[in-house]
Amino acid sequence: GDFGPTALLDTVRSVERLGMRAVGAGPGLGRALAPQVVERLGLRVAFVGFSNILPLEFAAAPGRPGVAWATPEAVEEAVRAARREADIVVATFHWGIEKAPYETAEQAELARIAAGAGAQLVIGAHPHVLQPLRRTGSALVAYSLGNFVFGAQSPETAATGVLVTDLSAEGVTAARWRPGEISGGRPVLATGRPKRLPVGDADAMAVGLTLGG
């Protein structure tokens, strides 16, 4: 959106030309909200993406390129539609406040809506720092995984990592965190085994898990 609709559509085409699936944006509202379904080992996983970072001119409309705007109604409808096509729904969000270490009430509400509509995994970006990992209903919510391939300018924005989740038709059954640090615009991941996260521990998840090294 920063470079206009032509650049946005060029990004979507470039992603798809490389064999990946673009979600949350497109030449019109229908494509921006449409789920992308991937089947692996007999499990159908649908991905949907949303943004609520201004300006509003970035929002897709019928016949107008843009991103899927994260209104409560759009999130609920798109996640429910994705759930009808797949065993698992992963909802991604561009949301939150830059450099804030915790989620906002609006992030929490959108996560609650997505979980209630059938999302089992919610992944957020935009704050540029790591935010807590929590359970919302039956969904695992990573409010922000920070930066990854990015020119980090401070220690907090250089903290990064990879969240690895085990999925089944029941949802996220396990998760691991492999921490890292951005150096020269590239993530350098820690060696060794990823840290197993207690995502099945109700008490730990109620407090929220802090991601980091």
Protein backbone atom coordinates (compact mmCIF):
# COMPACT_ATOMS: atom_id res chain seq x y z
CA GLY A 1 0.00 0.00 0.00
CA ASP A 2 2.87 2.40 0.70
CA PHE A 3 3.73 2.50 -3.02
CA GLY A 4 0.23 2.42 -4.47
CA PRO A 5 -2.07 -0.18 -6.04
CA THR A 6 0.28 -1.00 -8.93
CA ALA A 7 3.06 -1.99 -6.53
CA LEU A 8 0.61 -3.92 -4.36
CA LEU A 9 -0.58 -6.02 -7.29
CA ASP A 10 3.01 -6.50 -8.47
CA THR A 11 3.85 -7.89 -5.01
CA VAL A 12 0.93 -10.33 -5.14
CA ARG A 13 1.91 -11.50 -8.63
CA SER A 14 5.56 -11.89 -7.65
CA VAL A 15 4.67 -13.98 -4.60
CA GLU A 16 2.46 -16.27 -6.67
CA ARG A 17 5.01 -16.50 -9.49
CA LEU A 18 7.43 -17.98 -6.94
CA GLY A 19 4.92 -20.70 -6.05
CA MET A 20 3.63 -19.21 -2.82
CA ARG A 21 0.10 -18.15 -1.86
CA ALA A 22 -0.75 -14.49 -1.30
CA VAL A 23 -3.47 -13.74 1.25
CA GLY A 24 -5.09 -10.59 2.55
CA ALA A 25 -4.67 -8.47 -0.59
CA GLY A 26 -5.64 -8.48 -4.23
CA PRO A 27 -7.22 -6.67 -7.17
CA GLY A 28 -10.56 -6.42 -5.38
CA LEU A 29 -12.30 -7.09 -2.08
CA GLY A 30 -13.36 -10.63 -2.97
CA ARG A 31 -9.81 -11.76 -3.72
CA ALA A 32 -8.41 -9.98 -0.67
CA LEU A 33 -10.81 -11.82 1.65
CA ALA A 34 -10.61 -15.19 -0.11
CA PRO A 35 -8.90 -18.04 1.77
CA GLN A 36 -5.91 -19.82 0.31
CA VAL A 37 -6.08 -23.54 1.05
CA VAL A 38 -3.03 -25.82 1.24
CA GLU A 39 -3.30 -29.58 1.73
CA ARG A 40 -0.49 -31.47 3.43
CA LEU A 41 -0.55 -35.05 4.72
CA GLY A 42 -4.32 -35.16 4.31
CA LEU A 43 -4.89 -31.97 6.35
CA ARG A 44 -6.49 -28.99 4.63
CA VAL A 45 -5.19 -25.69 6.05
CA ALA A 46 -6.82 -22.39 5.02
CA PHE A 47 -5.02 -19.06 5.37
CA VAL A 48 -6.74 -15.67 5.56
CA GLY A 49 -5.13 -12.27 6.12
CA PHE A 50 -6.28 -8.87 7.37
CA SER A 51 -4.93 -5.40 8.17
CA ASN A 52 -6.22 -2.41 10.10
CA ILE A 53 -3.16 -0.17 9.87
CA LEU A 54 -4.01 3.22 8.39
CA PRO A 55 -4.47 4.85 5.96
CA LEU A 56 -7.90 3.54 5.12
CA GLU A 57 -7.14 4.13 1.44
CA PHE A 58 -5.17 0.86 1.56
CA ALA A 59 -8.43 -1.08 2.01
CA ALA A 60 -9.69 -3.16 -0.89
CA ALA A 61 -13.16 -2.53 -2.28
CA PRO A 62 -15.18 -4.13 -5.07
CA GLY A 63 -13.11 -3.45 -8.18
CA ARG A 64 -10.40 -1.59 -6.23
CA PRO A 65 -7.04 -3.16 -5.27
CA GLY A 66 -6.03 -3.20 -1.64
CA VAL A 67 -5.87 -5.18 1.58
CA ALA A 68 -8.60 -7.02 3.46
CA TRP A 69 -9.58 -4.50 6.13
CA ALA A 70 -9.87 -6.04 9.59
CA THR A 71 -13.36 -5.02 10.65
CA PRO A 72 -15.01 -7.41 13.12
CA GLU A 73 -17.66 -8.28 10.52
CA ALA A 74 -15.13 -9.00 7.76
CA VAL A 75 -12.96 -11.12 10.04
CA GLU A 76 -15.86 -13.22 11.27
CA GLU A 77 -17.31 -13.76 7.79
CA ALA A 78 -13.98 -14.58 6.11
CA VAL A 79 -12.86 -16.99 8.85
CA ARG A 80 -16.20 -18.81 8.82
CA ALA A 81 -15.99 -19.13 5.03
CA ALA A 82 -12.44 -20.48 5.30
CA ARG A 83 -13.48 -22.96 8.00
CA ARG A 84 -16.06 -24.45 5.65
CA GLU A 85 -13.26 -25.26 3.19
CA ALA A 86 -10.61 -26.62 5.53
CA ASP A 87 -9.76 -28.56 8.69
CA ILE A 88 -7.60 -25.75 10.09
CA VAL A 89 -7.79 -21.97 9.68
CA VAL A 90 -4.76 -19.73 10.16
CA ALA A 91 -5.67 -16.04 10.43
CA THR A 92 -2.92 -13.45 10.02
CA PHE A 93 -3.19 -9.81 11.08
CA HIS A 94 -1.30 -6.60 10.41
CA TRP A 95 -2.25 -4.77 13.60
CA GLY A 96 -1.16 -3.26 16.92
CA ILE A 97 1.11 -0.42 18.00
CA GLU A 98 4.73 -0.16 16.92
CA LYS A 99 7.24 -1.17 19.64
CA ALA A 100 4.49 -1.93 22.17
CA PRO A 101 5.46 -5.04 24.20
CA TYR A 102 1.83 -6.09 24.76
CA GLU A 103 -1.27 -6.40 22.61
CA THR A 104 -3.98 -3.75 22.56
CA ALA A 105 -7.62 -4.29 23.47
CA GLU A 106 -8.44 -4.08 19.75
CA GLN A 107 -5.96 -6.86 18.93
CA ALA A 108 -7.45 -9.03 21.68
CA GLU A 109 -10.98 -8.42 20.41
CA LEU A 110 -10.10 -9.29 16.80
CA ALA A 111 -8.33 -12.43 18.00
CA ARG A 112 -11.43 -13.38 20.01
CA ILE A 113 -13.64 -12.88 16.95
CA ALA A 114 -11.32 -14.93 14.72
CA ALA A 115 -11.16 -17.73 17.29
CA GLY A 116 -14.92 -17.72 17.76
CA ALA A 117 -15.41 -17.99 13.99
CA GLY A 118 -13.16 -21.05 13.78
CA ALA A 119 -9.52 -19.96 13.54
CA GLN A 120 -7.17 -22.29 15.41
CA LEU A 121 -4.00 -20.24 14.89
CA VAL A 122 -3.74 -16.43 14.82
CA ILE A 123 -0.44 -14.76 13.87
CA GLY A 124 0.20 -11.03 14.06
CA ALA A 125 2.72 -8.56 12.68
CA HIS A 126 3.42 -4.79 12.55
CA PRO A 127 4.55 -3.92 16.11
CA HIS A 128 8.19 -4.73 15.09
CA VAL A 129 8.77 -6.34 18.50
CA LEU A 130 7.80 -9.65 20.06
CA GLN A 131 4.47 -9.75 21.89
CA PRO A 132 2.98 -12.51 24.10
CA LEU A 133 1.65 -15.86 22.97
CA ARG A 134 -1.76 -16.64 24.45
CA ARG A 135 -4.73 -18.98 24.15
CA THR A 136 -8.01 -17.38 23.12
CA GLY A 137 -10.73 -19.99 23.23
CA SER A 138 -9.27 -22.96 21.39
CA ALA A 139 -6.95 -20.79 19.26
CA LEU A 140 -3.27 -20.14 19.82
CA VAL A 141 -2.57 -16.42 19.30
CA ALA A 142 0.88 -15.01 18.58
CA TYR A 143 0.16 -11.30 18.80
CA SER A 144 3.45 -10.29 17.16
CA LEU A 145 6.43 -12.31 15.99
CA GLY A 146 8.45 -9.11 15.55
CA ASN A 147 10.67 -8.45 12.55
CA PHE A 148 12.35 -11.12 10.44
CA VAL A 149 14.06 -9.96 7.24
CA PHE A 150 14.25 -6.32 8.22
CA GLY A 151 16.68 -3.55 9.04
CA ALA A 152 16.28 -3.58 12.82
CA GLN A 153 17.49 -0.39 14.53
CA SER A 154 17.37 -1.35 18.22
CA PRO A 155 17.79 -4.44 20.46
CA GLU A 156 14.05 -4.92 20.90
CA THR A 157 13.36 -4.77 17.16
CA ALA A 158 16.27 -7.13 16.47
CA ALA A 159 14.77 -9.93 18.61
CA THR A 160 13.20 -12.48 16.31
CA GLY A 161 12.57 -16.18 15.89
CA VAL A 162 10.53 -18.90 14.24
CA LEU A 163 7.34 -20.29 15.77
CA VAL A 164 6.87 -23.95 14.85
CA THR A 165 3.43 -25.45 15.43
CA ASP A 166 2.08 -28.98 15.19
CA LEU A 167 -1.37 -29.04 13.61
CA SER A 168 -4.11 -31.64 13.55
CA ALA A 169 -7.81 -31.50 12.82
CA GLU A 170 -8.22 -30.57 16.50
CA GLY A 171 -6.03 -27.48 16.14
CA VAL A 172 -2.57 -26.61 17.49
CA THR A 173 -1.36 -29.61 19.46
CA ALA A 174 2.19 -28.40 20.24
CA ALA A 175 4.47 -25.44 19.60
CA ARG A 176 8.18 -24.70 19.71
CA TRP A 177 10.14 -21.44 19.54
CA ARG A 178 13.52 -21.05 17.86
CA PRO A 179 14.88 -17.64 18.88
CA GLY A 180 17.16 -15.47 16.82
CA GLU A 181 18.55 -12.01 16.31
CA ILE A 182 18.57 -9.80 13.24
CA SER A 183 22.00 -8.83 12.00
CA GLY A 184 22.57 -6.79 8.85
CA GLY A 185 18.91 -7.07 7.93
CA ARG A 186 18.89 -10.88 8.14
CA PRO A 187 17.70 -13.23 10.89
CA VAL A 188 20.40 -15.33 12.55
CA LEU A 189 18.70 -18.19 14.37
CA ALA A 190 20.05 -19.85 17.50
CA THR A 191 21.56 -23.29 17.09
CA GLY A 192 20.22 -26.29 18.94
CA ARG A 193 16.73 -27.56 19.47
CA PRO A 194 13.83 -25.12 19.53
CA LYS A 195 12.33 -24.44 22.94
CA ARG A 196 9.12 -26.40 23.57
CA LEU A 197 6.31 -24.08 24.65
CA PRO A 198 3.71 -25.14 27.27
CA VAL A 199 0.73 -24.34 25.04
CA GLY A 200 -1.34 -27.02 26.76
CA ASP A 201 -0.80 -25.50 30.23
CA ALA A 202 -3.93 -23.49 30.98
CA ASP A 203 -2.32 -21.50 33.79
CA ALA A 204 0.75 -20.56 31.73
CA MET A 205 -1.37 -19.58 28.76
CA ALA A 206 -3.67 -17.48 30.94
CA VAL A 207 -0.65 -15.40 31.98
CA GLY A 208 0.79 -15.41 28.46
CA LEU A 209 4.08 -16.76 27.17
CA THR A 210 6.92 -14.33 26.57
CA LEU A 211 8.86 -15.07 23.42
CA GLY A 212 12.55 -14.30 23.26
CA GLY A 213 16.00 -15.82 23.52
